[in-house]
């Protein structure tokens, strides 16, 4: 599936991933390929990305790597939309 993470400054990441876990306001949840369409508000927490992630040099310092290999982006709030195997995270 395709993931796009957009902040007020720029598109921080865009590319193919295998899974995305986000901090929803009612709890953390994960989206995989062919997930049902969803729109949700996000709260402060970590966006966890699974897959072979290649980060842009300019925004790479905003991400970290977990011990299990996940790529992590800390956010303060935002929204997420999943539709037709495309996830868009609007992150603050």
C-alpha atoms as a PDB file:
ATOM      1  CA  UNK A   1       0.000   0.000   0.000  1.00  0.00           C
ATOM      2  CA  UNK A   2       1.044   3.601  -0.496  1.00  0.00           C
ATOM      3  CA  UNK A   3       1.717   5.945   2.441  1.00  0.00           C
ATOM      4  CA  UNK A   4       1.990   9.716   2.337  1.00  0.00           C
ATOM      5  CA  UNK A   5       2.871  11.706   5.475  1.00  0.00           C
ATOM      6  CA  UNK A   6       2.246  15.422   5.113  1.00  0.00           C
ATOM      7  CA  UNK A   7       3.127  18.135   7.647  1.00  0.00           C
ATOM      8  CA  UNK A   8       2.368  21.860   7.406  1.00  0.00           C
ATOM      9  CA  UNK A   9       5.925  22.353   6.094  1.00  0.00           C
ATOM     10  CA  UNK A  10       6.225  19.595   3.498  1.00  0.00           C
ATOM     11  CA  UNK A  11       5.596  16.002   2.474  1.00  0.00           C
ATOM     12  CA  UNK A  12       7.822  14.116   4.926  1.00  0.00           C
ATOM     13  CA  UNK A  13       7.450  10.683   3.325  1.00  0.00           C
ATOM     14  CA  UNK A  14       5.776   9.128   0.304  1.00  0.00           C
ATOM     15  CA  UNK A  15       6.226   5.518  -0.719  1.00  0.00           C
ATOM     16  CA  UNK A  16       5.182   1.888  -0.530  1.00  0.00           C
ATOM     17  CA  UNK A  17       4.899   0.285   2.927  1.00  0.00           C
ATOM     18  CA  UNK A  18       3.600  -2.996   4.353  1.00  0.00           C
ATOM     19  CA  UNK A  19       1.861  -1.613   7.484  1.00  0.00           C
ATOM     20  CA  UNK A  20       1.174   1.663   9.305  1.00  0.00           C
ATOM     21  CA  UNK A  21       0.253   2.010  12.989  1.00  0.00           C
ATOM     22  CA  UNK A  22      -1.148   5.351  14.160  1.00  0.00           C
ATOM     23  CA  UNK A  23      -2.161   6.837  17.543  1.00  0.00           C
ATOM     24  CA  UNK A  24      -5.917   7.268  17.099  1.00  0.00           C
ATOM     25  CA  UNK A  25      -7.896   9.290  19.631  1.00  0.00           C
ATOM     26  CA  UNK A  26      -9.623   6.061  20.751  1.00  0.00           C
ATOM     27  CA  UNK A  27      -6.389   4.049  20.790  1.00  0.00           C
ATOM     28  CA  UNK A  28      -3.605   2.896  18.536  1.00  0.00           C
ATOM     29  CA  UNK A  29      -4.584   0.984  15.393  1.00  0.00           C
ATOM     30  CA  UNK A  30      -2.844  -0.583  12.433  1.00  0.00           C
ATOM     31  CA  UNK A  31      -3.685  -0.521   8.736  1.00  0.00           C
ATOM     32  CA  UNK A  32      -2.553  -3.230   6.333  1.00  0.00           C
ATOM     33  CA  UNK A  33      -3.016  -3.735   2.599  1.00  0.00           C
ATOM     34  CA  UNK A  34      -6.712  -3.755   1.567  1.00  0.00           C
ATOM     35  CA  UNK A  35      -7.859  -2.209   4.868  1.00  0.00           C
ATOM     36  CA  UNK A  36     -11.430  -0.893   4.873  1.00  0.00           C
ATOM     37  CA  UNK A  37     -11.769   2.845   4.170  1.00  0.00           C
ATOM     38  CA  UNK A  38     -11.353   4.920   7.333  1.00  0.00           C
ATOM     39  CA  UNK A  39     -10.910   8.522   8.449  1.00  0.00           C
ATOM     40  CA  UNK A  40      -9.763   9.200  12.014  1.00  0.00           C
ATOM     41  CA  UNK A  41      -8.350  11.914  14.230  1.00  0.00           C
ATOM     42  CA  UNK A  42      -4.907  11.304  15.682  1.00  0.00           C
ATOM     43  CA  UNK A  43      -3.521  12.245  19.067  1.00  0.00           C
ATOM     44  CA  UNK A  44       0.016  12.704  20.333  1.00  0.00           C
ATOM     45  CA  UNK A  45       2.062   9.576  19.808  1.00  0.00           C
ATOM     46  CA  UNK A  46       4.079   7.592  17.306  1.00  0.00           C
ATOM     47  CA  UNK A  47       3.347   6.719  13.700  1.00  0.00           C
ATOM     48  CA  UNK A  48       5.027   3.334  13.143  1.00  0.00           C
ATOM     49  CA  UNK A  49       5.853   2.307   9.587  1.00  0.00           C
ATOM     50  CA  UNK A  50       6.801  -1.202   8.454  1.00  0.00           C
ATOM     51  CA  UNK A  51       8.498  -1.887   5.157  1.00  0.00           C
ATOM     52  CA  UNK A  52      11.639  -1.041   3.222  1.00  0.00           C
ATOM     53  CA  UNK A  53      11.597   2.704   3.946  1.00  0.00           C
ATOM     54  CA  UNK A  54      13.819   5.173   2.088  1.00  0.00           C
ATOM     55  CA  UNK A  55      13.683   8.617   3.697  1.00  0.00           C
ATOM     56  CA  UNK A  56      14.443  11.932   2.042  1.00  0.00           C
ATOM     57  CA  UNK A  57      17.738  13.320   3.394  1.00  0.00           C
ATOM     58  CA  UNK A  58      16.081  16.658   4.207  1.00  0.00           C
ATOM     59  CA  UNK A  59      13.432  15.128   6.534  1.00  0.00           C
ATOM     60  CA  UNK A  60      15.223  11.978   7.698  1.00  0.00           C
ATOM     61  CA  UNK A  61      16.112  13.550  11.059  1.00  0.00           C
ATOM     62  CA  UNK A  62      12.389  13.737  11.959  1.00  0.00           C
ATOM     63  CA  UNK A  63      12.205   9.923  11.954  1.00  0.00           C
ATOM     64  CA  UNK A  64      13.819   7.306  14.176  1.00  0.00           C
ATOM     65  CA  UNK A  65      14.293   3.528  13.971  1.00  0.00           C
ATOM     66  CA  UNK A  66      12.846   1.129  16.544  1.00  0.00           C
ATOM     67  CA  UNK A  67      14.757  -1.967  17.666  1.00  0.00           C
ATOM     68  CA  UNK A  68      12.376  -4.135  15.602  1.00  0.00           C
ATOM     69  CA  UNK A  69      13.186  -2.164  12.420  1.00  0.00           C
ATOM     70  CA  UNK A  70      10.048   0.002  12.335  1.00  0.00           C
ATOM     71  CA  UNK A  71      10.467   3.597  11.206  1.00  0.00           C
ATOM     72  CA  UNK A  72       8.899   5.986  13.729  1.00  0.00           C
ATOM     73  CA  UNK A  73       7.614   9.542  13.457  1.00  0.00           C
ATOM     74  CA  UNK A  74       6.487  11.353  16.619  1.00  0.00           C
ATOM     75  CA  UNK A  75       3.413  13.547  16.102  1.00  0.00           C
ATOM     76  CA  UNK A  76       1.410  15.863  18.356  1.00  0.00           C
ATOM     77  CA  UNK A  77      -1.904  15.503  16.482  1.00  0.00           C
ATOM     78  CA  UNK A  78      -3.346  14.995  13.025  1.00  0.00           C
ATOM     79  CA  UNK A  79      -5.734  13.021  10.864  1.00  0.00           C
ATOM     80  CA  UNK A  80      -5.456   9.855   8.815  1.00  0.00           C
ATOM     81  CA  UNK A  81      -7.387   8.661   5.784  1.00  0.00           C
ATOM     82  CA  UNK A  82      -7.179   5.185   4.260  1.00  0.00           C
ATOM     83  CA  UNK A  83      -8.881   4.528   0.931  1.00  0.00           C
ATOM     84  CA  UNK A  84      -8.043   2.304  -2.049  1.00  0.00           C
ATOM     85  CA  UNK A  85      -4.740   1.132  -0.491  1.00  0.00           C
ATOM     86  CA  UNK A  86      -3.542   4.711  -0.014  1.00  0.00           C
ATOM     87  CA  UNK A  87      -2.934   6.102   3.479  1.00  0.00           C
ATOM     88  CA  UNK A  88      -2.595   9.854   3.956  1.00  0.00           C
ATOM     89  CA  UNK A  89      -1.423  11.098   7.357  1.00  0.00           C
ATOM     90  CA  UNK A  90      -1.777  14.832   7.947  1.00  0.00           C
ATOM     91  CA  UNK A  91       0.539  15.334  10.916  1.00  0.00           C
ATOM     92  CA  UNK A  92       1.290  18.233  13.229  1.00  0.00           C
END
